[in-house]
Amino acid sequence: MKKTIVLLSIFALFSCKSVPVEPVRTMNLKDLHTEQKDVQTALLFAPSENKVMSLQIEKGKQLAEHITKVPALLVCVSGSGNYGDESGRKLSLKSGDYVKIEPNIKHWVDAYENSNFLLIK
C-alpha cells in the first residue's frame, strides 16, 4: 500500500504542468491619461448595458455643460472640484465625494486642482 502511495505521489509530481503566472501590477487612473489635454476621458470597461469612464480635468479647467440621457453617478477619486447644474445645484467635491446626475439636466464640472473622477452610467 505504501509503495502505491509513493508511486502515485511521484507520478503526480512529474505529470503536473507548470502554468506561467503573470506578475501583479498596480493600476492607477493617472496612467490612463497620457496626452497633454485640459479634459480627458478613458473608457475603463463597458458592460452590456452600462459603462464606467475615467475623467481627468486639469486645475482651473471645466468639463463643459452638457446633458446626459441616462442617470449617472460622478465620483471624485482625487483632487477637488465643483459640480453645477441648471436647477441651481452647486456641490463642492473632494476625494471620495459623489453626486447623482439626473437625466436631461444640463450640468458641468469645474476642477479646483488637477482631478480624477469616475463617471458611471
N, C-alpha and C. Protein backbone atom coordinates (compact mmCIF):
# COMPACT_ATOMS: atom_id res chain seq x y z
N MET A 1 0.82 -1.19 0.00
CA MET A 1 0.00 0.00 0.00
C MET A 1 0.87 1.27 0.00
N LYS A 2 1.94 1.24 0.86
CA LYS A 2 2.82 2.39 0.94
C LYS A 2 3.52 2.63 -0.39
N LYS A 3 3.92 1.55 -1.07
CA LYS A 3 4.59 1.68 -2.36
C LYS A 3 3.66 2.30 -3.39
N THR A 4 2.38 1.96 -3.34
CA THR A 4 1.40 2.51 -4.27
C THR A 4 1.25 4.01 -4.05
N ILE A 5 1.16 4.42 -2.80
CA ILE A 5 1.01 5.85 -2.47
C ILE A 5 2.24 6.62 -2.91
N VAL A 6 3.43 6.07 -2.66
CA VAL A 6 4.67 6.75 -3.05
C VAL A 6 4.74 6.86 -4.57
N LEU A 7 4.41 5.79 -5.29
CA LEU A 7 4.43 5.83 -6.75
C LEU A 7 3.43 6.83 -7.30
N LEU A 8 2.22 6.87 -6.74
CA LEU A 8 1.21 7.84 -7.19
C LEU A 8 1.65 9.27 -6.91
N SER A 9 2.30 9.50 -5.78
CA SER A 9 2.79 10.84 -5.45
C SER A 9 3.86 11.28 -6.42
N ILE A 10 4.81 10.36 -6.73
CA ILE A 10 5.87 10.69 -7.69
C ILE A 10 5.27 10.95 -9.06
N PHE A 11 4.34 10.12 -9.48
CA PHE A 11 3.68 10.30 -10.78
C PHE A 11 2.98 11.66 -10.84
N ALA A 12 2.28 12.03 -9.76
CA ALA A 12 1.56 13.31 -9.71
C ALA A 12 2.52 14.48 -9.82
N LEU A 13 3.66 14.39 -9.15
CA LEU A 13 4.64 15.49 -9.18
C LEU A 13 5.20 15.71 -10.59
N PHE A 14 5.51 14.64 -11.29
CA PHE A 14 6.12 14.76 -12.61
C PHE A 14 5.12 14.99 -13.73
N SER A 15 3.86 14.72 -13.49
CA SER A 15 2.88 14.90 -14.55
C SER A 15 2.23 16.28 -14.53
N CYS A 16 2.47 17.05 -13.49
CA CYS A 16 1.89 18.39 -13.40
C CYS A 16 2.61 19.33 -14.36
N LYS A 17 1.85 20.13 -15.04
CA LYS A 17 2.43 21.12 -15.94
C LYS A 17 2.50 22.45 -15.20
N SER A 18 3.58 23.16 -15.41
CA SER A 18 3.69 24.48 -14.77
C SER A 18 2.95 25.50 -15.63
N VAL A 19 2.24 26.38 -14.98
CA VAL A 19 1.48 27.42 -15.65
C VAL A 19 2.15 28.75 -15.36
N PRO A 20 2.52 29.52 -16.40
CA PRO A 20 3.16 30.81 -16.14
C PRO A 20 2.22 31.75 -15.39
N VAL A 21 2.76 32.42 -14.41
CA VAL A 21 1.97 33.36 -13.60
C VAL A 21 2.40 34.77 -13.97
N GLU A 22 1.42 35.61 -14.35
CA GLU A 22 1.74 36.99 -14.69
C GLU A 22 1.97 37.78 -13.41
N PRO A 23 2.96 38.68 -13.42
CA PRO A 23 3.21 39.47 -12.22
C PRO A 23 2.03 40.39 -11.92
N VAL A 24 1.80 40.61 -10.64
CA VAL A 24 0.73 41.50 -10.21
C VAL A 24 1.18 42.93 -10.42
N ARG A 25 0.33 43.72 -11.12
CA ARG A 25 0.65 45.13 -11.37
C ARG A 25 -0.37 46.00 -10.68
N THR A 26 0.09 47.10 -10.14
CA THR A 26 -0.82 48.09 -9.61
C THR A 26 -1.29 48.97 -10.75
N MET A 27 -2.59 49.21 -10.84
CA MET A 27 -3.14 50.08 -11.89
C MET A 27 -3.56 51.40 -11.24
N ASN A 28 -3.35 52.48 -11.97
CA ASN A 28 -3.67 53.80 -11.45
C ASN A 28 -4.39 54.60 -12.52
N LEU A 29 -5.41 55.33 -12.13
CA LEU A 29 -6.19 56.12 -13.08
C LEU A 29 -5.34 57.13 -13.83
N LYS A 30 -4.33 57.68 -13.18
CA LYS A 30 -3.48 58.68 -13.82
C LYS A 30 -2.77 58.11 -15.05
N ASP A 31 -2.49 56.80 -15.03
CA ASP A 31 -1.80 56.17 -16.15
C ASP A 31 -2.65 56.11 -17.41
N LEU A 32 -3.96 56.29 -17.29
CA LEU A 32 -4.85 56.27 -18.45
C LEU A 32 -4.76 57.55 -19.27
N HIS A 33 -4.25 58.62 -18.67
CA HIS A 33 -4.27 59.94 -19.30
C HIS A 33 -2.84 60.37 -19.63
N THR A 34 -2.43 60.11 -20.86
CA THR A 34 -1.04 60.36 -21.25
C THR A 34 -0.89 61.58 -22.15
N GLU A 35 -2.00 62.11 -22.66
CA GLU A 35 -1.92 63.26 -23.56
C GLU A 35 -1.97 64.56 -22.76
N GLN A 36 -1.46 65.62 -23.33
CA GLN A 36 -1.50 66.93 -22.71
C GLN A 36 -2.76 67.66 -23.16
N LYS A 37 -3.88 67.35 -22.51
CA LYS A 37 -5.16 67.98 -22.82
C LYS A 37 -5.78 68.48 -21.52
N ASP A 38 -6.61 69.51 -21.62
CA ASP A 38 -7.27 70.05 -20.44
C ASP A 38 -8.25 69.07 -19.83
N VAL A 39 -9.01 68.38 -20.66
CA VAL A 39 -10.00 67.41 -20.21
C VAL A 39 -9.81 66.12 -21.01
N GLN A 40 -9.71 64.99 -20.30
CA GLN A 40 -9.51 63.71 -20.97
C GLN A 40 -10.45 62.66 -20.38
N THR A 41 -10.88 61.72 -21.19
CA THR A 41 -11.63 60.58 -20.70
C THR A 41 -10.98 59.31 -21.22
N ALA A 42 -11.20 58.23 -20.50
CA ALA A 42 -10.72 56.92 -20.93
C ALA A 42 -11.75 55.89 -20.50
N LEU A 43 -12.25 55.13 -21.43
CA LEU A 43 -13.22 54.10 -21.12
C LEU A 43 -12.53 52.97 -20.38
N LEU A 44 -13.00 52.66 -19.17
CA LEU A 44 -12.40 51.60 -18.37
C LEU A 44 -12.97 50.24 -18.75
N PHE A 45 -14.27 50.13 -18.82
CA PHE A 45 -14.92 48.92 -19.30
C PHE A 45 -16.35 49.26 -19.64
N ALA A 46 -16.95 48.46 -20.49
CA ALA A 46 -18.33 48.70 -20.90
C ALA A 46 -19.14 47.41 -20.76
N PRO A 47 -19.82 47.25 -19.63
CA PRO A 47 -20.69 46.09 -19.50
C PRO A 47 -21.77 46.13 -20.59
N SER A 48 -22.55 45.11 -20.67
CA SER A 48 -23.52 45.02 -21.77
C SER A 48 -24.48 46.20 -21.83
N GLU A 49 -24.81 46.79 -20.70
CA GLU A 49 -25.76 47.91 -20.73
C GLU A 49 -25.23 49.17 -20.06
N ASN A 50 -24.09 49.12 -19.44
CA ASN A 50 -23.57 50.27 -18.69
C ASN A 50 -22.13 50.55 -19.07
N LYS A 51 -21.61 51.67 -18.57
CA LYS A 51 -20.19 51.94 -18.75
C LYS A 51 -19.66 52.77 -17.59
N VAL A 52 -18.36 52.64 -17.36
CA VAL A 52 -17.65 53.42 -16.35
C VAL A 52 -16.52 54.12 -17.08
N MET A 53 -16.44 55.44 -16.91
CA MET A 53 -15.39 56.21 -17.59
C MET A 53 -14.53 56.94 -16.57
N SER A 54 -13.26 57.01 -16.87
CA SER A 54 -12.34 57.81 -16.07
C SER A 54 -12.31 59.20 -16.70
N LEU A 55 -12.44 60.22 -15.88
CA LEU A 55 -12.46 61.61 -16.34
C LEU A 55 -11.37 62.37 -15.60
N GLN A 56 -10.50 63.03 -16.34
CA GLN A 56 -9.45 63.84 -15.74
C GLN A 56 -9.63 65.28 -16.20
N ILE A 57 -9.62 66.20 -15.23
CA ILE A 57 -9.75 67.63 -15.54
C ILE A 57 -8.59 68.37 -14.88
N GLU A 58 -7.90 69.19 -15.65
CA GLU A 58 -6.76 69.94 -15.13
C GLU A 58 -7.26 71.12 -14.26
N LYS A 59 -6.41 71.57 -13.36
CA LYS A 59 -6.70 72.69 -12.46
C LYS A 59 -7.21 73.90 -13.25
N GLY A 60 -8.34 74.46 -12.81
CA GLY A 60 -8.90 75.65 -13.43
C GLY A 60 -9.65 75.40 -14.72
N LYS A 61 -9.79 74.15 -15.13
CA LYS A 61 -10.47 73.82 -16.38
C LYS A 61 -11.85 73.23 -16.08
N GLN A 62 -12.64 73.06 -17.16
CA GLN A 62 -14.03 72.65 -17.00
C GLN A 62 -14.43 71.57 -17.99
N LEU A 63 -15.21 70.61 -17.50
CA LEU A 63 -15.96 69.73 -18.39
C LEU A 63 -17.18 70.56 -18.75
N ALA A 64 -17.26 71.02 -19.98
CA ALA A 64 -18.29 71.98 -20.41
C ALA A 64 -19.70 71.44 -20.19
N GLU A 65 -20.64 72.37 -20.06
CA GLU A 65 -22.03 71.98 -19.82
C GLU A 65 -22.54 71.07 -20.93
N HIS A 66 -23.29 70.08 -20.49
CA HIS A 66 -23.83 69.08 -21.40
C HIS A 66 -25.01 68.39 -20.71
N ILE A 67 -25.70 67.53 -21.44
CA ILE A 67 -26.85 66.80 -20.92
C ILE A 67 -26.61 65.31 -21.12
N THR A 68 -26.92 64.52 -20.12
CA THR A 68 -26.88 63.07 -20.24
C THR A 68 -28.30 62.55 -20.41
N LYS A 69 -28.46 61.55 -21.23
CA LYS A 69 -29.80 60.99 -21.47
C LYS A 69 -30.15 59.90 -20.47
N VAL A 70 -29.17 59.45 -19.68
CA VAL A 70 -29.40 58.41 -18.68
C VAL A 70 -28.90 58.90 -17.32
N PRO A 71 -29.41 58.34 -16.22
CA PRO A 71 -28.89 58.71 -14.90
C PRO A 71 -27.40 58.37 -14.83
N ALA A 72 -26.64 59.15 -14.09
CA ALA A 72 -25.21 58.93 -13.95
C ALA A 72 -24.77 59.20 -12.52
N LEU A 73 -23.61 58.67 -12.19
CA LEU A 73 -23.01 58.90 -10.89
C LEU A 73 -21.60 59.42 -11.14
N LEU A 74 -21.25 60.56 -10.55
CA LEU A 74 -19.92 61.15 -10.68
C LEU A 74 -19.22 61.01 -9.34
N VAL A 75 -18.06 60.32 -9.33
CA VAL A 75 -17.30 60.08 -8.11
C VAL A 75 -15.96 60.78 -8.22
N CYS A 76 -15.63 61.60 -7.23
CA CYS A 76 -14.33 62.25 -7.19
C CYS A 76 -13.33 61.27 -6.57
N VAL A 77 -12.33 60.88 -7.35
CA VAL A 77 -11.33 59.93 -6.88
C VAL A 77 -10.15 60.67 -6.25
N SER A 78 -9.71 61.75 -6.89
CA SER A 78 -8.62 62.55 -6.34
C SER A 78 -8.80 64.00 -6.78
N GLY A 79 -8.18 64.90 -6.03
CA GLY A 79 -8.32 66.31 -6.34
C GLY A 79 -9.61 66.87 -5.76
N SER A 80 -10.09 67.96 -6.36
CA SER A 80 -11.33 68.59 -5.90
C SER A 80 -11.91 69.43 -7.02
N GLY A 81 -13.21 69.65 -6.92
CA GLY A 81 -13.87 70.44 -7.96
C GLY A 81 -15.26 70.84 -7.55
N ASN A 82 -16.02 71.30 -8.52
CA ASN A 82 -17.37 71.78 -8.28
C ASN A 82 -18.30 71.21 -9.35
N TYR A 83 -19.43 70.67 -8.93
CA TYR A 83 -20.47 70.22 -9.85
C TYR A 83 -21.57 71.28 -9.83
N GLY A 84 -22.06 71.66 -11.00
CA GLY A 84 -23.17 72.61 -11.08
C GLY A 84 -24.16 72.16 -12.14
N ASP A 85 -25.44 72.50 -11.93
CA ASP A 85 -26.42 72.19 -12.96
C ASP A 85 -27.46 73.29 -13.09
N GLU A 86 -28.28 73.18 -14.13
CA GLU A 86 -29.24 74.24 -14.45
C GLU A 86 -30.34 74.39 -13.41
N SER A 87 -30.50 73.42 -12.52
CA SER A 87 -31.51 73.54 -11.47
C SER A 87 -31.00 74.38 -10.30
N GLY A 88 -29.72 74.78 -10.37
CA GLY A 88 -29.16 75.62 -9.32
C GLY A 88 -28.31 74.86 -8.32
N ARG A 89 -28.19 73.56 -8.46
CA ARG A 89 -27.34 72.79 -7.54
C ARG A 89 -25.88 73.13 -7.80
N LYS A 90 -25.14 73.42 -6.73
CA LYS A 90 -23.70 73.63 -6.78
C LYS A 90 -23.10 72.85 -5.63
N LEU A 91 -22.31 71.85 -5.97
CA LEU A 91 -21.74 70.97 -4.95
C LEU A 91 -20.22 70.95 -5.06
N SER A 92 -19.53 71.19 -3.95
CA SER A 92 -18.08 71.04 -3.91
C SER A 92 -17.78 69.56 -3.75
N LEU A 93 -16.82 69.07 -4.53
CA LEU A 93 -16.45 67.66 -4.49
C LEU A 93 -14.98 67.52 -4.13
N LYS A 94 -14.69 66.61 -3.22
CA LYS A 94 -13.31 66.26 -2.88
C LYS A 94 -13.21 64.74 -2.94
N SER A 95 -12.03 64.21 -2.83
CA SER A 95 -11.80 62.78 -2.95
C SER A 95 -12.80 61.98 -2.10
N GLY A 96 -13.50 61.06 -2.76
CA GLY A 96 -14.48 60.22 -2.07
C GLY A 96 -15.92 60.73 -2.17
N ASP A 97 -16.12 61.97 -2.56
CA ASP A 97 -17.47 62.52 -2.71
C ASP A 97 -18.09 62.08 -4.03
N TYR A 98 -19.40 62.01 -4.06
CA TYR A 98 -20.09 61.67 -5.32
C TYR A 98 -21.38 62.44 -5.43
N VAL A 99 -21.89 62.53 -6.67
CA VAL A 99 -23.15 63.21 -6.93
C VAL A 99 -23.94 62.38 -7.94
N LYS A 100 -25.24 62.25 -7.71
CA LYS A 100 -26.12 61.59 -8.67
C LYS A 100 -26.58 62.63 -9.68
N ILE A 101 -26.41 62.32 -10.95
CA ILE A 101 -26.77 63.24 -12.03
C ILE A 101 -28.05 62.73 -12.69
N GLU A 102 -29.07 63.55 -12.67
CA GLU A 102 -30.35 63.17 -13.27
C GLU A 102 -30.29 63.35 -14.78
N PRO A 103 -31.01 62.53 -15.52
CA PRO A 103 -31.02 62.68 -16.99
C PRO A 103 -31.71 63.96 -17.42
N ASN A 104 -31.33 64.45 -18.58
CA ASN A 104 -31.93 65.63 -19.23
C ASN A 104 -31.80 66.92 -18.43
N ILE A 105 -30.78 67.01 -17.57
CA ILE A 105 -30.46 68.23 -16.82
C ILE A 105 -29.08 68.71 -17.27
N LYS A 106 -29.00 69.92 -17.77
CA LYS A 106 -27.71 70.48 -18.20
C LYS A 106 -26.81 70.64 -16.96
N HIS A 107 -25.58 70.13 -17.07
CA HIS A 107 -24.65 70.19 -15.94
C HIS A 107 -23.21 70.35 -16.44
N TRP A 108 -22.29 70.65 -15.51
CA TRP A 108 -20.88 70.87 -15.82
C TRP A 108 -20.06 70.58 -14.58
N VAL A 109 -18.73 70.44 -14.76
CA VAL A 109 -17.82 70.17 -13.65
C VAL A 109 -16.59 71.05 -13.82
N ASP A 110 -16.24 71.78 -12.77
CA ASP A 110 -15.03 72.61 -12.73
C ASP A 110 -14.02 71.96 -11.79
N ALA A 111 -12.74 72.04 -12.13
CA ALA A 111 -11.69 71.48 -11.27
C ALA A 111 -10.96 72.60 -10.52
N TYR A 112 -10.85 72.46 -9.20
CA TYR A 112 -10.08 73.41 -8.40
C TYR A 112 -8.59 73.09 -8.48
N GLU A 113 -8.29 71.82 -8.72
CA GLU A 113 -6.92 71.35 -8.85
C GLU A 113 -6.94 70.19 -9.84
N ASN A 114 -5.79 69.67 -10.26
CA ASN A 114 -5.78 68.51 -11.15
C ASN A 114 -6.59 67.40 -10.47
N SER A 115 -7.61 66.91 -11.15
CA SER A 115 -8.56 65.99 -10.52
C SER A 115 -8.91 64.81 -11.40
N ASN A 116 -9.22 63.69 -10.77
CA ASN A 116 -9.69 62.48 -11.44
C ASN A 116 -11.06 62.10 -10.89
N PHE A 117 -11.96 61.78 -11.79
CA PHE A 117 -13.32 61.37 -11.43
C PHE A 117 -13.65 60.06 -12.13
N LEU A 118 -14.61 59.33 -11.58
CA LEU A 118 -15.22 58.20 -12.28
C LEU A 118 -16.63 58.61 -12.62
N LEU A 119 -17.01 58.40 -13.87
CA LEU A 119 -18.36 58.67 -14.32
C LEU A 119 -19.00 57.33 -14.64
N ILE A 120 -20.05 57.03 -13.92
CA ILE A 120 -20.72 55.73 -14.05
C ILE A 120 -22.10 55.95 -14.63
N LYS A 121 -22.37 55.29 -15.77
CA LYS A 121 -23.67 55.41 -16.43
C LYS A 121 -24.30 54.05 -16.62
